[in-house]
């Protein structure tokens, strides 16, 4: 990971509260306690992307199934899964933006 501060743009500023909140819920706070001053590691980027694909997207399907069948427990489980996927998606998007902005600055 680069030693300098990560670049920041308007998209990241909007994602930052959700990404920081999600990292705090997962007990994965970076050293500076905010992603504003810390790089998203490759491991975190891959893990959060995996959570989106393996938990968040199926969670949306479970929500639809819960609504269609009237099963409140399935609906609740789908909402929890979709919320996890949303938080992980914010972290993944934030990390991808960091890398793209850093790459653009080097050119």
Protein backbone atom coordinates (compact mmCIF):
# COMPACT_ATOMS: atom_id res chain seq x y z
CA UNK A 1 0.00 0.00 0.00
CA UNK A 2 1.25 3.51 -0.75
CA UNK A 3 2.50 5.56 2.18
CA UNK A 4 0.83 8.82 1.14
CA UNK A 5 -2.76 9.74 1.96
CA UNK A 6 -5.34 8.23 -0.38
CA UNK A 7 -7.03 10.53 -2.89
CA UNK A 8 -10.55 11.68 -2.15
CA UNK A 9 -13.34 12.74 -4.52
CA UNK A 10 -17.01 13.65 -4.24
CA UNK A 11 -18.20 10.04 -4.65
CA UNK A 12 -15.98 8.94 -1.78
CA UNK A 13 -17.09 11.83 0.42
CA UNK A 14 -20.68 10.64 0.02
CA UNK A 15 -19.76 6.98 0.64
CA UNK A 16 -17.48 7.68 3.60
CA UNK A 17 -20.08 7.73 6.41
CA UNK A 18 -21.61 4.41 5.31
CA UNK A 19 -18.22 2.79 4.66
CA UNK A 20 -16.84 3.92 8.04
CA UNK A 21 -20.01 2.78 9.81
CA UNK A 22 -19.83 -0.64 8.16
CA UNK A 23 -16.13 -1.04 8.99
CA UNK A 24 -16.93 -0.12 12.61
CA UNK A 25 -19.74 -2.68 12.80
CA UNK A 26 -17.38 -5.35 11.48
CA UNK A 27 -14.75 -4.40 14.10
CA UNK A 28 -12.37 -3.63 11.28
CA UNK A 29 -11.53 -0.01 11.92
CA UNK A 30 -8.34 1.16 10.24
CA UNK A 31 -5.55 2.76 12.25
CA UNK A 32 -6.86 6.31 11.75
CA UNK A 33 -10.41 5.15 12.55
CA UNK A 34 -11.60 6.40 9.17
CA UNK A 35 -11.11 5.39 5.56
CA UNK A 36 -10.56 9.07 4.76
CA UNK A 37 -6.92 8.74 5.86
CA UNK A 38 -6.37 5.03 5.24
CA UNK A 39 -6.10 2.88 2.12
CA UNK A 40 -8.57 0.03 1.68
CA UNK A 41 -6.35 -3.06 1.60
CA UNK A 42 -6.61 -5.54 -1.26
CA UNK A 43 -7.86 -8.19 1.17
CA UNK A 44 -10.65 -5.91 2.39
CA UNK A 45 -11.52 -5.02 -1.18
CA UNK A 46 -11.83 -8.69 -2.21
CA UNK A 47 -13.69 -9.65 0.98
CA UNK A 48 -16.21 -6.84 0.66
CA UNK A 49 -16.76 -7.64 -3.02
CA UNK A 50 -17.38 -11.26 -2.08
CA UNK A 51 -19.90 -10.25 0.58
CA UNK A 52 -21.81 -8.21 -2.00
CA UNK A 53 -21.97 -11.16 -4.40
CA UNK A 54 -22.54 -13.97 -1.90
CA UNK A 55 -24.71 -12.25 0.73
CA UNK A 56 -26.13 -8.97 -0.59
CA UNK A 57 -27.49 -10.07 -3.95
CA UNK A 58 -29.08 -13.30 -2.64
CA UNK A 59 -30.52 -11.18 0.17
CA UNK A 60 -32.50 -9.18 -2.39
CA UNK A 61 -33.91 -12.43 -3.78
CA UNK A 62 -34.82 -13.59 -0.27
CA UNK A 63 -36.65 -10.30 0.32
CA UNK A 64 -38.72 -10.89 -2.81
CA UNK A 65 -39.40 -14.48 -1.75
CA UNK A 66 -40.41 -13.37 1.75
CA UNK A 67 -42.81 -10.80 0.36
CA UNK A 68 -44.29 -13.21 -2.20
CA UNK A 69 -44.88 -15.99 0.34
CA UNK A 70 -45.71 -13.80 3.32
CA UNK A 71 -42.88 -15.26 5.40
CA UNK A 72 -41.77 -12.52 7.77
CA UNK A 73 -38.68 -14.41 8.93
CA UNK A 74 -37.43 -14.74 5.34
CA UNK A 75 -38.14 -11.07 4.75
CA UNK A 76 -36.18 -10.12 7.87
CA UNK A 77 -33.25 -12.39 6.90
CA UNK A 78 -33.20 -10.87 3.43
CA UNK A 79 -33.19 -7.35 4.86
CA UNK A 80 -30.22 -8.19 7.09
CA UNK A 81 -28.35 -9.76 4.17
CA UNK A 82 -29.12 -6.82 1.88
CA UNK A 83 -27.95 -4.37 4.56
CA UNK A 84 -24.65 -6.26 4.90
CA UNK A 85 -24.28 -6.26 1.13
CA UNK A 86 -24.94 -2.53 0.97
CA UNK A 87 -22.29 -1.75 3.59
CA UNK A 88 -19.77 -4.05 1.95
CA UNK A 89 -20.58 -2.49 -1.41
CA UNK A 90 -19.82 0.96 -0.01
CA UNK A 91 -16.40 -0.23 1.20
CA UNK A 92 -15.66 -1.97 -2.11
CA UNK A 93 -16.69 1.07 -4.15
CA UNK A 94 -14.64 3.34 -1.90
CA UNK A 95 -11.56 1.14 -2.33
CA UNK A 96 -11.97 0.89 -6.09
CA UNK A 97 -12.28 4.69 -6.32
CA UNK A 98 -9.08 5.06 -4.27
CA UNK A 99 -7.15 2.91 -6.71
CA UNK A 100 -8.56 4.56 -9.83
CA UNK A 101 -7.87 8.07 -8.53
CA UNK A 102 -4.33 7.13 -7.49
CA UNK A 103 -3.69 5.56 -10.90
CA UNK A 104 -5.04 8.66 -12.67
CA UNK A 105 -2.82 10.93 -10.53
CA UNK A 106 0.30 8.98 -11.52
CA UNK A 107 -0.36 9.57 -15.24
